[in-house]
């Protein structure tokens, strides 16, 4: 058993720096990314609230955990909100990072669409 624990601790140690994930962005980039992510989340939430109201004809549940809200409605709203807001935050943060790092960032991430 001690042999297994030793191998686990060896695997979790950092192996050295190579790649973009190892670089720390400066304070300005972090603040800009945070602001862009908050705005994107706000806009996404407003958009899906509007769409939900148009499609279902009623306001989305404000407290999906409330037992008076139907389970399907609570799960639907929670899933839609979580996926949409997180996707918007991710896309906005990546766009801000791409803009901050310029063309060099785009050429190193060829797998993006």
PDB file of N, CA and C in Angstrom:
ATOM      1  N   UNK A   1       0.823  -1.189   0.000  1.00  0.00           N
ATOM      2  CA  UNK A   1       0.000   0.000   0.000  1.00  0.00           C
ATOM      3  C   UNK A   1       0.862   1.245   0.000  1.00  0.00           C
ATOM      4  N   UNK A   2       1.953   1.253   0.736  1.00  0.00           N
ATOM      5  CA  UNK A   2       2.815   2.426   0.757  1.00  0.00           C
ATOM      6  C   UNK A   2       3.447   2.648  -0.616  1.00  0.00           C
ATOM      7  N   UNK A   3       3.654   1.588  -1.363  1.00  0.00           N
ATOM      8  CA  UNK A   3       4.218   1.712  -2.706  1.00  0.00           C
ATOM      9  C   UNK A   3       3.241   2.469  -3.608  1.00  0.00           C
ATOM     10  N   UNK A   4       1.930   2.180  -3.477  1.00  0.00           N
ATOM     11  CA  UNK A   4       0.931   2.849  -4.286  1.00  0.00           C
ATOM     12  C   UNK A   4       0.855   4.327  -3.913  1.00  0.00           C
ATOM     13  N   UNK A   5       0.920   4.642  -2.632  1.00  0.00           N
ATOM     14  CA  UNK A   5       0.852   6.030  -2.205  1.00  0.00           C
ATOM     15  C   UNK A   5       2.032   6.826  -2.749  1.00  0.00           C
ATOM     16  N   UNK A   6       3.184   6.228  -2.795  1.00  0.00           N
ATOM     17  CA  UNK A   6       4.365   6.899  -3.326  1.00  0.00           C
ATOM     18  C   UNK A   6       4.203   7.230  -4.797  1.00  0.00           C
ATOM     19  N   UNK A   7       3.618   6.308  -5.566  1.00  0.00           N
ATOM     20  CA  UNK A   7       3.449   6.571  -6.988  1.00  0.00           C
ATOM     21  C   UNK A   7       2.416   7.652  -7.236  1.00  0.00           C
ATOM     22  N   UNK A   8       1.407   7.730  -6.381  1.00  0.00           N
ATOM     23  CA  UNK A   8       0.393   8.771  -6.536  1.00  0.00           C
ATOM     24  C   UNK A   8       1.012  10.134  -6.269  1.00  0.00           C
ATOM     25  N   UNK A   9       1.821  10.264  -5.222  1.00  0.00           N
ATOM     26  CA  UNK A   9       2.412  11.556  -4.911  1.00  0.00           C
ATOM     27  C   UNK A   9       3.393  11.985  -6.004  1.00  0.00           C
ATOM     28  N   UNK A  10       4.065  11.039  -6.646  1.00  0.00           N
ATOM     29  CA  UNK A  10       4.972  11.387  -7.723  1.00  0.00           C
ATOM     30  C   UNK A  10       4.207  11.904  -8.935  1.00  0.00           C
ATOM     31  N   UNK A  11       3.021  11.387  -9.192  1.00  0.00           N
ATOM     32  CA  UNK A  11       2.251  11.806 -10.347  1.00  0.00           C
ATOM     33  C   UNK A  11       1.665  13.190 -10.159  1.00  0.00           C
ATOM     34  N   UNK A  12       1.403  13.608  -8.935  1.00  0.00           N
ATOM     35  CA  UNK A  12       0.751  14.889  -8.704  1.00  0.00           C
ATOM     36  C   UNK A  12       1.734  16.045  -8.614  1.00  0.00           C
ATOM     37  N   UNK A  13       3.033  15.780  -8.577  1.00  0.00           N
ATOM     38  CA  UNK A  13       4.007  16.855  -8.511  1.00  0.00           C
ATOM     39  C   UNK A  13       4.105  17.535  -9.865  1.00  0.00           C
ATOM     40  N   UNK A  14       4.324  18.855  -9.871  1.00  0.00           N
ATOM     41  CA  UNK A  14       4.463  19.543 -11.145  1.00  0.00           C
ATOM     42  C   UNK A  14       5.700  19.075 -11.888  1.00  0.00           C
ATOM     43  N   UNK A  15       5.595  18.980 -13.198  1.00  0.00           N
ATOM     44  CA  UNK A  15       6.687  18.439 -14.000  1.00  0.00           C
ATOM     45  C   UNK A  15       7.489  19.513 -14.702  1.00  0.00           C
ATOM     46  N   UNK A  16       7.175  20.765 -14.500  1.00  0.00           N
ATOM     47  CA  UNK A  16       7.919  21.822 -15.166  1.00  0.00           C
ATOM     48  C   UNK A  16       7.008  22.606 -16.071  1.00  0.00           C
ATOM     49  N   UNK A  17       7.488  23.726 -16.522  1.00  0.00           N
ATOM     50  CA  UNK A  17       6.627  24.623 -17.290  1.00  0.00           C
ATOM     51  C   UNK A  17       6.831  24.521 -18.780  1.00  0.00           C
ATOM     52  N   UNK A  18       5.795  24.130 -19.456  1.00  0.00           N
ATOM     53  CA  UNK A  18       5.789  24.216 -20.907  1.00  0.00           C
ATOM     54  C   UNK A  18       4.351  24.347 -21.355  1.00  0.00           C
ATOM     55  N   UNK A  19       4.010  25.450 -21.922  1.00  0.00           N
ATOM     56  CA  UNK A  19       2.654  25.653 -22.400  1.00  0.00           C
ATOM     57  C   UNK A  19       2.043  26.907 -21.845  1.00  0.00           C
ATOM     58  N   UNK A  20       0.930  27.313 -22.446  1.00  0.00           N
ATOM     59  CA  UNK A  20       0.275  28.550 -22.063  1.00  0.00           C
ATOM     60  C   UNK A  20      -0.351  28.472 -20.679  1.00  0.00           C
ATOM     61  N   UNK A  21      -0.738  27.297 -20.235  1.00  0.00           N
ATOM     62  CA  UNK A  21      -1.410  27.174 -18.947  1.00  0.00           C
ATOM     63  C   UNK A  21      -0.480  27.564 -17.798  1.00  0.00           C
ATOM     64  N   UNK A  22       0.830  27.506 -18.024  1.00  0.00           N
ATOM     65  CA  UNK A  22       1.782  27.827 -16.975  1.00  0.00           C
ATOM     66  C   UNK A  22       1.985  29.330 -16.805  1.00  0.00           C
ATOM     67  N   UNK A  23       1.645  30.120 -17.813  1.00  0.00           N
ATOM     68  CA  UNK A  23       1.843  31.563 -17.728  1.00  0.00           C
ATOM     69  C   UNK A  23       0.727  32.201 -16.912  1.00  0.00           C
ATOM     70  N   UNK A  24       1.102  33.153 -16.067  1.00  0.00           N
ATOM     71  CA  UNK A  24       0.124  33.881 -15.261  1.00  0.00           C
ATOM     72  C   UNK A  24      -0.207  35.182 -15.987  1.00  0.00           C
ATOM     73  N   UNK A  25      -1.498  35.432 -16.250  1.00  0.00           N
ATOM     74  CA  UNK A  25      -1.847  36.703 -16.890  1.00  0.00           C
ATOM     75  C   UNK A  25      -1.655  37.857 -15.919  1.00  0.00           C
ATOM     76  N   UNK A  26      -1.396  39.033 -16.472  1.00  0.00           N
ATOM     77  CA  UNK A  26      -1.208  40.205 -15.612  1.00  0.00           C
ATOM     78  C   UNK A  26      -2.548  40.650 -15.022  1.00  0.00           C
ATOM     79  N   UNK A  27      -2.490  41.581 -14.095  1.00  0.00           N
ATOM     80  CA  UNK A  27      -3.686  42.018 -13.374  1.00  0.00           C
ATOM     81  C   UNK A  27      -4.721  42.621 -14.315  1.00  0.00           C
ATOM     82  N   UNK A  28      -4.287  43.415 -15.266  1.00  0.00           N
ATOM     83  CA  UNK A  28      -5.209  44.034 -16.214  1.00  0.00           C
ATOM     84  C   UNK A  28      -5.983  43.003 -17.015  1.00  0.00           C
ATOM     85  N   UNK A  29      -5.296  41.968 -17.467  1.00  0.00           N
ATOM     86  CA  UNK A  29      -5.950  40.910 -18.238  1.00  0.00           C
ATOM     87  C   UNK A  29      -6.944  40.154 -17.382  1.00  0.00           C
ATOM     88  N   UNK A  30      -6.575  39.873 -16.140  1.00  0.00           N
ATOM     89  CA  UNK A  30      -7.492  39.155 -15.246  1.00  0.00           C
ATOM     90  C   UNK A  30      -8.727  39.980 -14.941  1.00  0.00           C
ATOM     91  N   UNK A  31      -8.554  41.288 -14.691  1.00  0.00           N
ATOM     92  CA  UNK A  31      -9.696  42.152 -14.412  1.00  0.00           C
ATOM     93  C   UNK A  31     -10.602  42.286 -15.635  1.00  0.00           C
ATOM     94  N   UNK A  32      -9.996  42.431 -16.802  1.00  0.00           N
ATOM     95  CA  UNK A  32     -10.782  42.528 -18.028  1.00  0.00           C
ATOM     96  C   UNK A  32     -11.554  41.239 -18.270  1.00  0.00           C
ATOM     97  N   UNK A  33     -10.903  40.111 -18.090  1.00  0.00           N
ATOM     98  CA  UNK A  33     -11.572  38.824 -18.287  1.00  0.00           C
ATOM     99  C   UNK A  33     -12.730  38.649 -17.315  1.00  0.00           C
ATOM    100  N   UNK A  34     -12.536  39.058 -16.080  1.00  0.00           N
ATOM    101  CA  UNK A  34     -13.607  38.940 -15.083  1.00  0.00           C
ATOM    102  C   UNK A  34     -14.788  39.837 -15.446  1.00  0.00           C
ATOM    103  N   UNK A  35     -14.493  41.068 -15.860  1.00  0.00           N
ATOM    104  CA  UNK A  35     -15.567  41.992 -16.230  1.00  0.00           C
ATOM    105  C   UNK A  35     -16.322  41.489 -17.457  1.00  0.00           C
ATOM    106  N   UNK A  36     -15.596  41.011 -18.446  1.00  0.00           N
ATOM    107  CA  UNK A  36     -16.220  40.497 -19.668  1.00  0.00           C
ATOM    108  C   UNK A  36     -17.080  39.273 -19.340  1.00  0.00           C
ATOM    109  N   UNK A  37     -16.601  38.420 -18.474  1.00  0.00           N
ATOM    110  CA  UNK A  37     -17.359  37.222 -18.094  1.00  0.00           C
ATOM    111  C   UNK A  37     -18.644  37.594 -17.366  1.00  0.00           C
ATOM    112  N   UNK A  38     -18.581  38.598 -16.491  1.00  0.00           N
ATOM    113  CA  UNK A  38     -19.786  39.019 -15.765  1.00  0.00           C
ATOM    114  C   UNK A  38     -20.816  39.629 -16.711  1.00  0.00           C
ATOM    115  N   UNK A  39     -20.354  40.460 -17.633  1.00  0.00           N
ATOM    116  CA  UNK A  39     -21.274  41.059 -18.601  1.00  0.00           C
ATOM    117  C   UNK A  39     -21.901  39.984 -19.481  1.00  0.00           C
ATOM    118  N   UNK A  40     -21.085  39.036 -19.933  1.00  0.00           N
ATOM    119  CA  UNK A  40     -21.605  37.952 -20.780  1.00  0.00           C
ATOM    120  C   UNK A  40     -22.638  37.121 -20.031  1.00  0.00           C
ATOM    121  N   UNK A  41     -22.385  36.821 -18.770  1.00  0.00           N
ATOM    122  CA  UNK A  41     -23.337  36.047 -17.975  1.00  0.00           C
ATOM    123  C   UNK A  41     -24.639  36.818 -17.787  1.00  0.00           C
ATOM    124  N   UNK A  42     -24.544  38.121 -17.539  1.00  0.00           N
ATOM    125  CA  UNK A  42     -25.730  38.954 -17.366  1.00  0.00           C
ATOM    126  C   UNK A  42     -26.566  38.982 -18.643  1.00  0.00           C
ATOM    127  N   UNK A  43     -25.905  39.218 -19.776  1.00  0.00           N
ATOM    128  CA  UNK A  43     -26.614  39.285 -21.057  1.00  0.00           C
ATOM    129  C   UNK A  43     -27.233  37.929 -21.399  1.00  0.00           C
ATOM    130  N   UNK A  44     -26.489  36.855 -21.180  1.00  0.00           N
ATOM    131  CA  UNK A  44     -27.018  35.516 -21.469  1.00  0.00           C
ATOM    132  C   UNK A  44     -28.243  35.223 -20.611  1.00  0.00           C
ATOM    133  N   UNK A  45     -28.185  35.580 -19.356  1.00  0.00           N
ATOM    134  CA  UNK A  45     -29.315  35.339 -18.449  1.00  0.00           C
ATOM    135  C   UNK A  45     -30.548  36.130 -18.899  1.00  0.00           C
ATOM    136  N   UNK A  46     -30.344  37.387 -19.311  1.00  0.00           N
ATOM    137  CA  UNK A  46     -31.465  38.197 -19.802  1.00  0.00           C
ATOM    138  C   UNK A  46     -32.059  37.597 -21.074  1.00  0.00           C
ATOM    139  N   UNK A  47     -31.187  37.124 -21.964  1.00  0.00           N
ATOM    140  CA  UNK A  47     -31.654  36.541 -23.223  1.00  0.00           C
ATOM    141  C   UNK A  47     -32.464  35.266 -22.991  1.00  0.00           C
ATOM    142  N   UNK A  48     -31.986  34.394 -22.116  1.00  0.00           N
ATOM    143  CA  UNK A  48     -32.727  33.149 -21.909  1.00  0.00           C
ATOM    144  C   UNK A  48     -34.001  33.387 -21.101  1.00  0.00           C
ATOM    145  N   UNK A  49     -33.999  34.403 -20.236  1.00  0.00           N
ATOM    146  CA  UNK A  49     -35.236  34.759 -19.533  1.00  0.00           C
ATOM    147  C   UNK A  49     -36.281  35.234 -20.529  1.00  0.00           C
ATOM    148  N   UNK A  50     -35.865  36.081 -21.472  1.00  0.00           N
ATOM    149  CA  UNK A  50     -36.773  36.563 -22.505  1.00  0.00           C
ATOM    150  C   UNK A  50     -37.282  35.395 -23.353  1.00  0.00           C
ATOM    151  N   UNK A  51     -36.373  34.518 -23.786  1.00  0.00           N
ATOM    152  CA  UNK A  51     -36.762  33.377 -24.622  1.00  0.00           C
ATOM    153  C   UNK A  51     -37.705  32.438 -23.864  1.00  0.00           C
ATOM    154  N   UNK A  52     -37.411  32.166 -22.605  1.00  0.00           N
ATOM    155  CA  UNK A  52     -38.256  31.284 -21.787  1.00  0.00           C
ATOM    156  C   UNK A  52     -39.669  31.848 -21.691  1.00  0.00           C
ATOM    157  N   UNK A  53     -39.757  33.165 -21.445  1.00  0.00           N
ATOM    158  CA  UNK A  53     -41.059  33.812 -21.313  1.00  0.00           C
ATOM    159  C   UNK A  53     -41.837  33.760 -22.622  1.00  0.00           C
ATOM    160  N   UNK A  54     -41.146  33.980 -23.735  1.00  0.00           N
ATOM    161  CA  UNK A  54     -41.810  33.926 -25.045  1.00  0.00           C
ATOM    162  C   UNK A  54     -42.277  32.515 -25.389  1.00  0.00           C
ATOM    163  N   UNK A  55     -41.465  31.523 -25.077  1.00  0.00           N
ATOM    164  CA  UNK A  55     -41.787  30.142 -25.449  1.00  0.00           C
ATOM    165  C   UNK A  55     -42.840  29.530 -24.536  1.00  0.00           C
ATOM    166  N   UNK A  56     -42.669  29.704 -23.221  1.00  0.00           N
ATOM    167  CA  UNK A  56     -43.589  29.061 -22.274  1.00  0.00           C
ATOM    168  C   UNK A  56     -44.792  29.926 -21.920  1.00  0.00           C
ATOM    169  N   UNK A  57     -44.679  31.225 -22.129  1.00  0.00           N
ATOM    170  CA  UNK A  57     -45.771  32.120 -21.782  1.00  0.00           C
ATOM    171  C   UNK A  57     -45.802  32.511 -20.317  1.00  0.00           C
ATOM    172  N   UNK A  58     -44.793  32.117 -19.555  1.00  0.00           N
ATOM    173  CA  UNK A  58     -44.726  32.514 -18.142  1.00  0.00           C
ATOM    174  C   UNK A  58     -43.282  32.788 -17.752  1.00  0.00           C
ATOM    175  N   UNK A  59     -43.132  33.468 -16.645  1.00  0.00           N
ATOM    176  CA  UNK A  59     -41.798  33.817 -16.153  1.00  0.00           C
ATOM    177  C   UNK A  59     -41.058  32.547 -15.709  1.00  0.00           C
ATOM    178  N   UNK A  60     -39.732  32.532 -15.855  1.00  0.00           N
ATOM    179  CA  UNK A  60     -38.972  31.375 -15.364  1.00  0.00           C
ATOM    180  C   UNK A  60     -39.025  31.321 -13.844  1.00  0.00           C
ATOM    181  N   UNK A  61     -38.830  30.145 -13.280  1.00  0.00           N
ATOM    182  CA  UNK A  61     -38.877  30.026 -11.815  1.00  0.00           C
ATOM    183  C   UNK A  61     -37.727  30.807 -11.173  1.00  0.00           C
ATOM    184  N   UNK A  62     -38.061  31.609 -10.168  1.00  0.00           N
ATOM    185  CA  UNK A  62     -37.016  32.359  -9.469  1.00  0.00           C
ATOM    186  C   UNK A  62     -36.287  31.486  -8.459  1.00  0.00           C
ATOM    187  N   UNK A  63     -36.981  30.471  -7.954  1.00  0.00           N
ATOM    188  CA  UNK A  63     -36.381  29.524  -7.013  1.00  0.00           C
ATOM    189  C   UNK A  63     -36.725  28.106  -7.483  1.00  0.00           C
ATOM    190  N   UNK A  64     -35.917  27.533  -8.380  1.00  0.00           N
ATOM    191  CA  UNK A  64     -36.225  26.194  -8.898  1.00  0.00           C
ATOM    192  C   UNK A  64     -36.275  25.114  -7.824  1.00  0.00           C
ATOM    193  N   UNK A  65     -35.636  25.344  -6.677  1.00  0.00           N
ATOM    194  CA  UNK A  65     -35.643  24.341  -5.609  1.00  0.00           C
ATOM    195  C   UNK A  65     -36.956  24.331  -4.831  1.00  0.00           C
ATOM    196  N   UNK A  66     -37.826  25.294  -5.072  1.00  0.00           N
ATOM    197  CA  UNK A  66     -39.127  25.365  -4.395  1.00  0.00           C
ATOM    198  C   UNK A  66     -39.982  24.170  -4.814  1.00  0.00           C
ATOM    199  N   UNK A  67     -40.554  23.418  -3.852  1.00  0.00           N
ATOM    200  CA  UNK A  67     -41.371  22.248  -4.188  1.00  0.00           C
ATOM    201  C   UNK A  67     -42.620  22.578  -5.009  1.00  0.00           C
ATOM    202  N   UNK A  68     -43.054  23.822  -5.002  1.00  0.00           N
ATOM    203  CA  UNK A  68     -44.233  24.193  -5.780  1.00  0.00           C
ATOM    204  C   UNK A  68     -43.927  24.326  -7.276  1.00  0.00           C
ATOM    205  N   UNK A  69     -42.658  24.403  -7.629  1.00  0.00           N
ATOM    206  CA  UNK A  69     -42.255  24.455  -9.035  1.00  0.00           C
ATOM    207  C   UNK A  69     -42.175  23.012  -9.542  1.00  0.00           C
ATOM    208  N   UNK A  70     -42.786  22.760 -10.704  1.00  0.00           N
ATOM    209  CA  UNK A  70     -42.760  21.411 -11.279  1.00  0.00           C
ATOM    210  C   UNK A  70     -41.315  20.974 -11.512  1.00  0.00           C
ATOM    211  N   UNK A  71     -41.051  19.693 -11.294  1.00  0.00           N
ATOM    212  CA  UNK A  71     -39.692  19.177 -11.418  1.00  0.00           C
ATOM    213  C   UNK A  71     -39.143  19.388 -12.827  1.00  0.00           C
ATOM    214  N   UNK A  72     -39.938  19.116 -13.847  1.00  0.00           N
ATOM    215  CA  UNK A  72     -39.480  19.293 -15.226  1.00  0.00           C
ATOM    216  C   UNK A  72     -39.124  20.743 -15.525  1.00  0.00           C
ATOM    217  N   UNK A  73     -39.950  21.654 -15.026  1.00  0.00           N
ATOM    218  CA  UNK A  73     -39.682  23.077 -15.227  1.00  0.00           C
ATOM    219  C   UNK A  73     -38.408  23.496 -14.487  1.00  0.00           C
ATOM    220  N   UNK A  74     -38.241  23.020 -13.266  1.00  0.00           N
ATOM    221  CA  UNK A  74     -37.053  23.363 -12.473  1.00  0.00           C
ATOM    222  C   UNK A  74     -35.785  22.820 -13.125  1.00  0.00           C
ATOM    223  N   UNK A  75     -35.841  21.568 -13.567  1.00  0.00           N
ATOM    224  CA  UNK A  75     -34.668  20.986 -14.219  1.00  0.00           C
ATOM    225  C   UNK A  75     -34.371  21.655 -15.554  1.00  0.00           C
ATOM    226  N   UNK A  76     -35.413  21.931 -16.312  1.00  0.00           N
ATOM    227  CA  UNK A  76     -35.228  22.593 -17.598  1.00  0.00           C
ATOM    228  C   UNK A  76     -34.600  23.961 -17.447  1.00  0.00           C
ATOM    229  N   UNK A  77     -35.134  24.764 -16.525  1.00  0.00           N
ATOM    230  CA  UNK A  77     -34.598  26.109 -16.318  1.00  0.00           C
ATOM    231  C   UNK A  77     -33.168  26.059 -15.780  1.00  0.00           C
ATOM    232  N   UNK A  78     -32.907  25.174 -14.831  1.00  0.00           N
ATOM    233  CA  UNK A  78     -31.564  25.066 -14.256  1.00  0.00           C
ATOM    234  C   UNK A  78     -30.545  24.633 -15.300  1.00  0.00           C
ATOM    235  N   UNK A  79     -30.902  23.659 -16.104  1.00  0.00           N
ATOM    236  CA  UNK A  79     -29.993  23.182 -17.146  1.00  0.00           C
ATOM    237  C   UNK A  79     -29.749  24.261 -18.189  1.00  0.00           C
ATOM    238  N   UNK A  80     -30.815  24.873 -18.664  1.00  0.00           N
ATOM    239  CA  UNK A  80     -30.699  25.924 -19.668  1.00  0.00           C
ATOM    240  C   UNK A  80     -29.856  27.086 -19.151  1.00  0.00           C
ATOM    241  N   UNK A  81     -30.108  27.495 -17.935  1.00  0.00           N
ATOM    242  CA  UNK A  81     -29.359  28.609 -17.354  1.00  0.00           C
ATOM    243  C   UNK A  81     -27.885  28.249 -17.181  1.00  0.00           C
ATOM    244  N   UNK A  82     -27.623  27.102 -16.602  1.00  0.00           N
ATOM    245  CA  UNK A  82     -26.238  26.704 -16.346  1.00  0.00           C
ATOM    246  C   UNK A  82     -25.411  26.583 -17.610  1.00  0.00           C
ATOM    247  N   UNK A  83     -25.942  25.886 -18.589  1.00  0.00           N
ATOM    248  CA  UNK A  83     -25.199  25.669 -19.834  1.00  0.00           C
ATOM    249  C   UNK A  83     -25.022  26.979 -20.593  1.00  0.00           C
ATOM    250  N   UNK A  84     -26.082  27.751 -20.723  1.00  0.00           N
ATOM    251  CA  UNK A  84     -26.015  28.985 -21.504  1.00  0.00           C
ATOM    252  C   UNK A  84     -25.104  30.021 -20.870  1.00  0.00           C
ATOM    253  N   UNK A  85     -25.246  30.233 -19.573  1.00  0.00           N
ATOM    254  CA  UNK A  85     -24.424  31.234 -18.898  1.00  0.00           C
ATOM    255  C   UNK A  85     -22.956  30.821 -18.916  1.00  0.00           C
ATOM    256  N   UNK A  86     -22.667  29.575 -18.658  1.00  0.00           N
ATOM    257  CA  UNK A  86     -21.274  29.138 -18.651  1.00  0.00           C
ATOM    258  C   UNK A  86     -20.663  29.189 -20.048  1.00  0.00           C
ATOM    259  N   UNK A  87     -21.427  28.824 -21.062  1.00  0.00           N
ATOM    260  CA  UNK A  87     -20.932  28.913 -22.439  1.00  0.00           C
ATOM    261  C   UNK A  87     -20.649  30.370 -22.811  1.00  0.00           C
ATOM    262  N   UNK A  88     -21.530  31.276 -22.424  1.00  0.00           N
ATOM    263  CA  UNK A  88     -21.322  32.698 -22.716  1.00  0.00           C
ATOM    264  C   UNK A  88     -20.079  33.221 -22.008  1.00  0.00           C
ATOM    265  N   UNK A  89     -19.903  32.836 -20.759  1.00  0.00           N
ATOM    266  CA  UNK A  89     -18.710  33.253 -20.011  1.00  0.00           C
ATOM    267  C   UNK A  89     -17.442  32.721 -20.653  1.00  0.00           C
ATOM    268  N   UNK A  90     -17.465  31.458 -21.040  1.00  0.00           N
ATOM    269  CA  UNK A  90     -16.298  30.846 -21.667  1.00  0.00           C
ATOM    270  C   UNK A  90     -15.943  31.548 -22.972  1.00  0.00           C
ATOM    271  N   UNK A  91     -16.934  31.747 -23.833  1.00  0.00           N
ATOM    272  CA  UNK A  91     -16.677  32.392 -25.114  1.00  0.00           C
ATOM    273  C   UNK A  91     -16.188  33.827 -24.940  1.00  0.00           C
ATOM    274  N   UNK A  92     -16.784  34.552 -24.009  1.00  0.00           N
ATOM    275  CA  UNK A  92     -16.366  35.935 -23.776  1.00  0.00           C
ATOM    276  C   UNK A  92     -14.954  36.006 -23.210  1.00  0.00           C
ATOM    277  N   UNK A  93     -14.629  35.131 -22.282  1.00  0.00           N
ATOM    278  CA  UNK A  93     -13.299  35.117 -21.688  1.00  0.00           C
ATOM    279  C   UNK A  93     -12.252  34.748 -22.723  1.00  0.00           C
ATOM    280  N   UNK A  94     -12.556  33.780 -23.570  1.00  0.00           N
ATOM    281  CA  UNK A  94     -11.613  33.392 -24.630  1.00  0.00           C
ATOM    282  C   UNK A  94     -11.429  34.522 -25.636  1.00  0.00           C
ATOM    283  N   UNK A  95     -12.504  35.217 -25.960  1.00  0.00           N
ATOM    284  CA  UNK A  95     -12.394  36.336 -26.895  1.00  0.00           C
ATOM    285  C   UNK A  95     -11.547  37.452 -26.292  1.00  0.00           C
ATOM    286  N   UNK A  96     -11.732  37.723 -25.009  1.00  0.00           N
ATOM    287  CA  UNK A  96     -10.930  38.752 -24.341  1.00  0.00           C
ATOM    288  C   UNK A  96      -9.456  38.349 -24.306  1.00  0.00           C
ATOM    289  N   UNK A  97      -9.178  37.083 -24.034  1.00  0.00           N
ATOM    290  CA  UNK A  97      -7.795  36.611 -24.009  1.00  0.00           C
ATOM    291  C   UNK A  97      -7.175  36.682 -25.398  1.00  0.00           C
ATOM    292  N   UNK A  98      -7.937  36.316 -26.414  1.00  0.00           N
ATOM    293  CA  UNK A  98      -7.444  36.363 -27.788  1.00  0.00           C
ATOM    294  C   UNK A  98      -7.115  37.804 -28.169  1.00  0.00           C
ATOM    295  N   UNK A  99      -7.978  38.717 -27.754  1.00  0.00           N
ATOM    296  CA  UNK A  99      -7.751  40.136 -28.061  1.00  0.00           C
ATOM    297  C   UNK A  99      -6.537  40.666 -27.307  1.00  0.00           C
ATOM    298  N   UNK A 100      -6.359  40.255 -26.061  1.00  0.00           N
ATOM    299  CA  UNK A 100      -5.239  40.733 -25.252  1.00  0.00           C
ATOM    300  C   UNK A 100      -3.905  40.203 -25.753  1.00  0.00           C
ATOM    301  N   UNK A 101      -3.883  38.969 -26.243  1.00  0.00           N
ATOM    302  CA  UNK A 101      -2.628  38.353 -26.674  1.00  0.00           C
ATOM    303  C   UNK A 101      -2.361  38.546 -28.150  1.00  0.00           C
ATOM    304  N   UNK A 102      -3.319  39.046 -28.888  1.00  0.00           N
ATOM    305  CA  UNK A 102      -3.116  39.336 -30.301  1.00  0.00           C
ATOM    306  C   UNK A 102      -3.072  38.104 -31.166  1.00  0.00           C
ATOM    307  N   UNK A 103      -2.507  38.234 -32.355  1.00  0.00           N
ATOM    308  CA  UNK A 103      -2.497  37.133 -33.339  1.00  0.00           C
ATOM    309  C   UNK A 103      -1.733  35.905 -32.864  1.00  0.00           C
ATOM    310  N   UNK A 104      -0.786  36.060 -31.974  1.00  0.00           N
ATOM    311  CA  UNK A 104       0.000  34.912 -31.502  1.00  0.00           C
ATOM    312  C   UNK A 104      -0.881  33.881 -30.817  1.00  0.00           C
ATOM    313  N   UNK A 105      -1.906  34.344 -30.110  1.00  0.00           N
ATOM    314  CA  UNK A 105      -2.830  33.441 -29.419  1.00  0.00           C
ATOM    315  C   UNK A 105      -3.647  32.629 -30.420  1.00  0.00           C
ATOM    316  N   UNK A 106      -4.068  33.270 -31.511  1.00  0.00           N
ATOM    317  CA  UNK A 106      -4.886  32.590 -32.503  1.00  0.00           C
ATOM    318  C   UNK A 106      -4.109  31.507 -33.224  1.00  0.00           C
ATOM    319  N   UNK A 107      -2.824  31.774 -33.538  1.00  0.00           N
ATOM    320  CA  UNK A 107      -2.064  30.790 -34.282  1.00  0.00           C
ATOM    321  C   UNK A 107      -1.717  29.571 -33.437  1.00  0.00           C
ATOM    322  N   UNK A 108      -1.638  29.722 -32.118  1.00  0.00           N
ATOM    323  CA  UNK A 108      -1.290  28.595 -31.260  1.00  0.00           C
ATOM    324  C   UNK A 108      -2.495  27.736 -30.923  1.00  0.00           C
ATOM    325  N   UNK A 109      -3.700  28.218 -31.215  1.00  0.00           N
ATOM    326  CA  UNK A 109      -4.903  27.441 -30.901  1.00  0.00           C
ATOM    327  C   UNK A 109      -5.640  27.073 -32.174  1.00  0.00           C
ATOM    328  N   UNK A 110      -5.009  26.319 -33.035  1.00  0.00           N
ATOM    329  CA  UNK A 110      -5.581  25.942 -34.322  1.00  0.00           C
ATOM    330  C   UNK A 110      -6.779  25.033 -34.212  1.00  0.00           C
ATOM    331  N   UNK A 111      -6.990  24.385 -33.062  1.00  0.00           N
ATOM    332  CA  UNK A 111      -8.128  23.471 -32.903  1.00  0.00           C
ATOM    333  C   UNK A 111      -9.427  24.221 -32.695  1.00  0.00           C
ATOM    334  N   UNK A 112      -9.363  25.525 -32.381  1.00  0.00           N
ATOM    335  CA  UNK A 112     -10.586  26.304 -32.209  1.00  0.00           C
ATOM    336  C   UNK A 112     -11.262  26.493 -33.551  1.00  0.00           C
ATOM    337  N   UNK A 113     -12.586  26.787 -33.496  1.00  0.00           N
ATOM    338  CA  UNK A 113     -13.311  26.960 -34.733  1.00  0.00           C
ATOM    339  C   UNK A 113     -13.182  28.244 -35.388  1.00  0.00           C
TER     340      UNK A 113
END
